[in-house]
Each structure stands twice: as structure tokens, then as C-alpha cells.
Amino acid sequence: MPDRNPGGANLVEVEVRIDGRACRVPAGTSVAAALTIALGVRGTRGSVQGMPRTMLCGMGICQECRVGIDGRAHVLACQTTCRDGMRIDTTWNPES
């Protein structure tokens, strides 16, 4: 399924669940970008001191963007494309 029609209009969206909350994002969006859309880059995990940590490099080197995806731990959000129905779990969630 193409992300856009040939003219670039009518962007297709997918629905993901981030920490149990439904979020619609454009098809082709990275999980890191979806987290930014849904959470406003609050953080994806916590440091040993409990401070929020989030994506730094955007290319998989720093590994700061690790999240759980569909029950699999430590997946790099910046290197993973969202797909419809995906469950994304951050390990740092101040609302939980």
C-alpha cells in the first residue's frame, strides 16, 4: 500500500497504541516521530536517577530511543517504522 497517491495528497494514516493510548500518524512515520507527535518528546525511558531520557542521534547509535514494541523490549524507535495496530510501550511514563 503506497503512503501517498501520485499527487502527494490524501496522506494515509496508521493507528498505533502508545502506552495504551491510540494515536494516528502518517504511514511511513518512525516510532520516534510518533512518540514526538503523541508525547511531545517527554521521554521514552528513565535514567537511574529517574530523569527522562529520549532520542538523541536519530540513527540508532545512542540507543536512547529504546522502547517496547508488540511485547519485544529494547527496540530502537528511530529505526522502526510504524505499522497499523502496533503497540508501543515506553518504560518512562510519568502518568502511570
N, C-alpha and C. Protein backbone atom coordinates (compact mmCIF):
# COMPACT_ATOMS: atom_id res chain seq x y z
N MET A 1 0.85 -1.18 0.00
CA MET A 1 0.00 0.00 0.00
C MET A 1 0.89 1.24 0.00
N PRO A 2 0.74 2.11 -0.99
CA PRO A 2 1.58 3.31 -1.04
C PRO A 2 1.20 4.29 0.08
N ASP A 3 2.17 5.07 0.50
CA ASP A 3 1.93 6.05 1.55
C ASP A 3 1.10 7.23 1.06
N ARG A 4 1.23 7.55 -0.20
CA ARG A 4 0.51 8.70 -0.77
C ARG A 4 0.00 8.33 -2.16
N ASN A 5 -0.97 9.12 -2.62
CA ASN A 5 -1.37 8.93 -4.01
C ASN A 5 -0.32 9.62 -4.88
N PRO A 6 -0.34 9.43 -6.20
CA PRO A 6 0.71 10.01 -7.05
C PRO A 6 0.86 11.52 -6.92
N GLY A 7 -0.19 12.23 -6.57
CA GLY A 7 -0.11 13.68 -6.44
C GLY A 7 0.41 14.13 -5.09
N GLY A 8 0.59 13.21 -4.16
CA GLY A 8 1.11 13.56 -2.84
C GLY A 8 0.03 13.97 -1.85
N ALA A 9 -1.23 13.97 -2.26
CA ALA A 9 -2.32 14.35 -1.34
C ALA A 9 -2.90 13.09 -0.69
N ASN A 10 -3.88 13.29 0.17
CA ASN A 10 -4.57 12.18 0.83
C ASN A 10 -3.61 11.24 1.55
N LEU A 11 -2.85 11.78 2.44
CA LEU A 11 -1.89 11.00 3.21
C LEU A 11 -2.59 9.89 3.97
N VAL A 12 -2.10 8.68 3.84
CA VAL A 12 -2.65 7.53 4.54
C VAL A 12 -2.11 7.53 5.96
N GLU A 13 -2.97 7.22 6.92
CA GLU A 13 -2.55 7.16 8.32
C GLU A 13 -2.65 5.74 8.85
N VAL A 14 -1.88 5.47 9.88
CA VAL A 14 -1.96 4.21 10.61
C VAL A 14 -2.26 4.54 12.06
N GLU A 15 -2.87 3.60 12.75
CA GLU A 15 -3.14 3.81 14.18
C GLU A 15 -2.21 2.93 14.99
N VAL A 16 -1.52 3.54 15.95
CA VAL A 16 -0.66 2.81 16.88
C VAL A 16 -1.18 3.10 18.28
N ARG A 17 -0.79 2.26 19.23
CA ARG A 17 -1.14 2.48 20.64
C ARG A 17 0.14 2.74 21.39
N ILE A 18 0.24 3.92 21.97
CA ILE A 18 1.42 4.31 22.74
C ILE A 18 1.04 4.34 24.20
N ASP A 19 1.64 3.45 24.97
CA ASP A 19 1.31 3.30 26.39
C ASP A 19 -0.20 3.16 26.58
N GLY A 20 -0.83 2.41 25.66
CA GLY A 20 -2.25 2.13 25.75
C GLY A 20 -3.16 3.17 25.12
N ARG A 21 -2.59 4.29 24.68
CA ARG A 21 -3.39 5.37 24.11
C ARG A 21 -3.31 5.34 22.58
N ALA A 22 -4.46 5.36 21.92
CA ALA A 22 -4.50 5.33 20.46
C ALA A 22 -3.97 6.64 19.90
N CYS A 23 -3.20 6.53 18.82
CA CYS A 23 -2.63 7.70 18.16
C CYS A 23 -2.56 7.42 16.67
N ARG A 24 -3.02 8.35 15.86
CA ARG A 24 -2.95 8.20 14.40
C ARG A 24 -1.77 9.03 13.90
N VAL A 25 -0.96 8.39 13.04
CA VAL A 25 0.22 9.06 12.48
C VAL A 25 0.28 8.75 10.99
N PRO A 26 0.94 9.59 10.21
CA PRO A 26 1.07 9.30 8.78
C PRO A 26 1.82 7.99 8.55
N ALA A 27 1.38 7.22 7.56
CA ALA A 27 2.09 5.99 7.19
C ALA A 27 3.52 6.35 6.84
N GLY A 28 4.46 5.50 7.25
CA GLY A 28 5.87 5.76 6.99
C GLY A 28 6.57 6.50 8.11
N THR A 29 5.82 6.90 9.13
CA THR A 29 6.38 7.63 10.27
C THR A 29 7.21 6.68 11.13
N SER A 30 8.37 7.15 11.60
CA SER A 30 9.15 6.32 12.52
C SER A 30 8.46 6.31 13.87
N VAL A 31 8.74 5.28 14.66
CA VAL A 31 8.18 5.21 16.01
C VAL A 31 8.65 6.41 16.82
N ALA A 32 9.91 6.84 16.64
CA ALA A 32 10.42 8.01 17.37
C ALA A 32 9.59 9.25 17.04
N ALA A 33 9.26 9.44 15.77
CA ALA A 33 8.44 10.59 15.38
C ALA A 33 7.03 10.46 15.95
N ALA A 34 6.48 9.25 15.96
CA ALA A 34 5.15 9.04 16.54
C ALA A 34 5.15 9.38 18.02
N LEU A 35 6.23 9.04 18.72
CA LEU A 35 6.34 9.39 20.14
C LEU A 35 6.37 10.90 20.32
N THR A 36 7.04 11.59 19.42
CA THR A 36 7.08 13.05 19.47
C THR A 36 5.69 13.63 19.25
N ILE A 37 4.97 13.08 18.28
CA ILE A 37 3.61 13.54 17.99
C ILE A 37 2.70 13.30 19.20
N ALA A 38 2.78 12.11 19.78
CA ALA A 38 1.86 11.73 20.86
C ALA A 38 2.27 12.26 22.22
N LEU A 39 3.57 12.25 22.51
CA LEU A 39 4.04 12.60 23.85
C LEU A 39 4.72 13.95 23.94
N GLY A 40 5.00 14.56 22.79
CA GLY A 40 5.70 15.83 22.82
C GLY A 40 7.14 15.69 23.32
N VAL A 41 7.77 14.55 23.05
CA VAL A 41 9.15 14.25 23.43
C VAL A 41 9.38 14.43 24.92
N ARG A 42 8.48 13.91 25.73
CA ARG A 42 8.67 13.95 27.19
C ARG A 42 9.74 12.97 27.62
N GLY A 43 9.87 11.90 26.93
CA GLY A 43 10.85 10.88 27.28
C GLY A 43 10.31 9.51 26.94
N THR A 44 11.23 8.59 26.66
CA THR A 44 10.82 7.23 26.34
C THR A 44 11.24 6.25 27.41
N ARG A 45 12.13 6.66 28.27
CA ARG A 45 12.57 5.81 29.37
C ARG A 45 13.20 6.70 30.43
N GLY A 46 13.61 6.11 31.53
CA GLY A 46 14.19 6.91 32.61
C GLY A 46 15.62 6.51 32.91
N SER A 47 16.40 7.48 33.37
CA SER A 47 17.76 7.19 33.80
C SER A 47 17.71 6.54 35.18
N VAL A 48 18.86 6.13 35.70
CA VAL A 48 18.89 5.53 37.03
C VAL A 48 18.41 6.51 38.09
N GLN A 49 18.57 7.79 37.85
CA GLN A 49 18.10 8.81 38.78
C GLN A 49 16.62 9.16 38.58
N GLY A 50 15.98 8.52 37.58
CA GLY A 50 14.57 8.78 37.33
C GLY A 50 14.31 9.95 36.39
N MET A 51 15.36 10.48 35.77
CA MET A 51 15.20 11.59 34.84
C MET A 51 14.79 11.05 33.46
N PRO A 52 13.96 11.80 32.72
CA PRO A 52 13.53 11.32 31.41
C PRO A 52 14.69 11.25 30.41
N ARG A 53 14.68 10.21 29.59
CA ARG A 53 15.65 10.05 28.51
C ARG A 53 14.86 9.91 27.22
N THR A 54 15.40 10.42 26.13
CA THR A 54 14.73 10.31 24.85
C THR A 54 15.75 10.28 23.72
N MET A 55 15.28 10.16 22.50
CA MET A 55 16.14 10.04 21.33
C MET A 55 17.16 11.17 21.27
N LEU A 56 18.38 10.82 20.89
CA LEU A 56 19.44 11.81 20.76
C LEU A 56 19.96 11.89 19.34
N CYS A 57 20.42 10.76 18.79
CA CYS A 57 21.11 10.79 17.50
C CYS A 57 20.18 10.60 16.30
N GLY A 58 19.09 9.87 16.46
CA GLY A 58 18.17 9.64 15.35
C GLY A 58 18.64 8.63 14.33
N MET A 59 19.75 7.93 14.62
CA MET A 59 20.25 6.94 13.66
C MET A 59 20.64 5.61 14.31
N GLY A 60 20.20 5.37 15.54
CA GLY A 60 20.38 4.07 16.17
C GLY A 60 21.68 3.87 16.93
N ILE A 61 22.54 4.86 16.95
CA ILE A 61 23.84 4.70 17.62
C ILE A 61 23.73 4.89 19.13
N CYS A 62 23.03 5.91 19.57
CA CYS A 62 22.99 6.23 21.01
C CYS A 62 22.11 5.26 21.81
N GLN A 63 21.15 4.66 21.17
CA GLN A 63 20.21 3.71 21.78
C GLN A 63 19.35 4.33 22.89
N GLU A 64 19.24 5.65 22.91
CA GLU A 64 18.41 6.33 23.90
C GLU A 64 16.92 6.22 23.59
N CYS A 65 16.57 5.79 22.40
CA CYS A 65 15.16 5.74 21.99
C CYS A 65 14.54 4.36 22.18
N ARG A 66 15.17 3.50 22.95
CA ARG A 66 14.66 2.13 23.11
C ARG A 66 13.27 2.11 23.73
N VAL A 67 12.38 1.35 23.12
CA VAL A 67 11.01 1.17 23.60
C VAL A 67 10.62 -0.30 23.44
N GLY A 68 9.48 -0.66 23.98
CA GLY A 68 8.92 -1.98 23.74
C GLY A 68 7.94 -1.88 22.58
N ILE A 69 8.01 -2.81 21.66
CA ILE A 69 7.08 -2.83 20.53
C ILE A 69 6.49 -4.22 20.41
N ASP A 70 5.17 -4.27 20.51
CA ASP A 70 4.43 -5.53 20.41
C ASP A 70 5.02 -6.61 21.33
N GLY A 71 5.39 -6.21 22.53
CA GLY A 71 5.89 -7.15 23.52
C GLY A 71 7.38 -7.43 23.45
N ARG A 72 8.06 -6.87 22.47
CA ARG A 72 9.51 -7.06 22.33
C ARG A 72 10.23 -5.85 22.94
N ALA A 73 11.16 -6.08 23.85
CA ALA A 73 11.84 -5.00 24.55
C ALA A 73 13.04 -4.46 23.76
N HIS A 74 13.43 -3.24 24.09
CA HIS A 74 14.67 -2.61 23.59
C HIS A 74 14.72 -2.47 22.07
N VAL A 75 13.61 -2.09 21.46
CA VAL A 75 13.56 -1.85 20.02
C VAL A 75 13.91 -0.38 19.81
N LEU A 76 14.73 -0.08 18.80
CA LEU A 76 15.12 1.29 18.52
C LEU A 76 14.00 2.02 17.79
N ALA A 77 13.41 3.00 18.45
CA ALA A 77 12.27 3.74 17.90
C ALA A 77 12.65 4.52 16.65
N CYS A 78 13.88 5.02 16.60
CA CYS A 78 14.28 5.84 15.45
C CYS A 78 14.51 5.00 14.19
N GLN A 79 14.64 3.70 14.34
CA GLN A 79 14.92 2.82 13.21
C GLN A 79 13.73 1.93 12.85
N THR A 80 12.58 2.18 13.47
CA THR A 80 11.41 1.33 13.27
C THR A 80 10.26 2.16 12.71
N THR A 81 9.64 1.66 11.65
CA THR A 81 8.51 2.34 11.02
C THR A 81 7.21 1.86 11.65
N CYS A 82 6.32 2.80 11.93
CA CYS A 82 5.01 2.45 12.50
C CYS A 82 4.21 1.62 11.51
N ARG A 83 3.46 0.67 12.04
CA ARG A 83 2.50 -0.08 11.22
C ARG A 83 1.18 -0.12 11.97
N ASP A 84 0.13 -0.26 11.23
CA ASP A 84 -1.21 -0.23 11.82
C ASP A 84 -1.34 -1.30 12.91
N GLY A 85 -1.86 -0.89 14.06
CA GLY A 85 -2.09 -1.81 15.17
C GLY A 85 -0.89 -2.02 16.08
N MET A 86 0.23 -1.39 15.79
CA MET A 86 1.45 -1.57 16.59
C MET A 86 1.22 -1.08 18.02
N ARG A 87 1.74 -1.85 19.00
CA ARG A 87 1.68 -1.46 20.41
C ARG A 87 3.07 -1.01 20.84
N ILE A 88 3.18 0.23 21.27
CA ILE A 88 4.46 0.82 21.67
C ILE A 88 4.38 1.11 23.16
N ASP A 89 5.36 0.61 23.90
CA ASP A 89 5.39 0.84 25.35
C ASP A 89 6.69 1.54 25.72
N THR A 90 6.56 2.71 26.33
CA THR A 90 7.75 3.39 26.84
C THR A 90 7.98 2.87 28.25
N THR A 91 9.21 2.95 28.71
CA THR A 91 9.50 2.50 30.07
C THR A 91 9.52 3.66 31.04
N TRP A 92 9.40 4.86 30.52
CA TRP A 92 9.31 6.04 31.37
C TRP A 92 8.00 6.72 31.05
N ASN A 93 7.04 6.58 31.93
CA ASN A 93 5.72 7.16 31.70
C ASN A 93 5.26 7.79 33.00
N PRO A 94 5.39 9.11 33.13
CA PRO A 94 5.05 9.77 34.39
C PRO A 94 3.59 9.67 34.77
N GLU A 95 2.72 9.30 33.81
CA GLU A 95 1.29 9.21 34.11
C GLU A 95 0.90 7.85 34.65
N SER A 96 1.82 6.89 34.67
CA SER A 96 1.46 5.55 35.15
C SER A 96 1.86 5.35 36.59
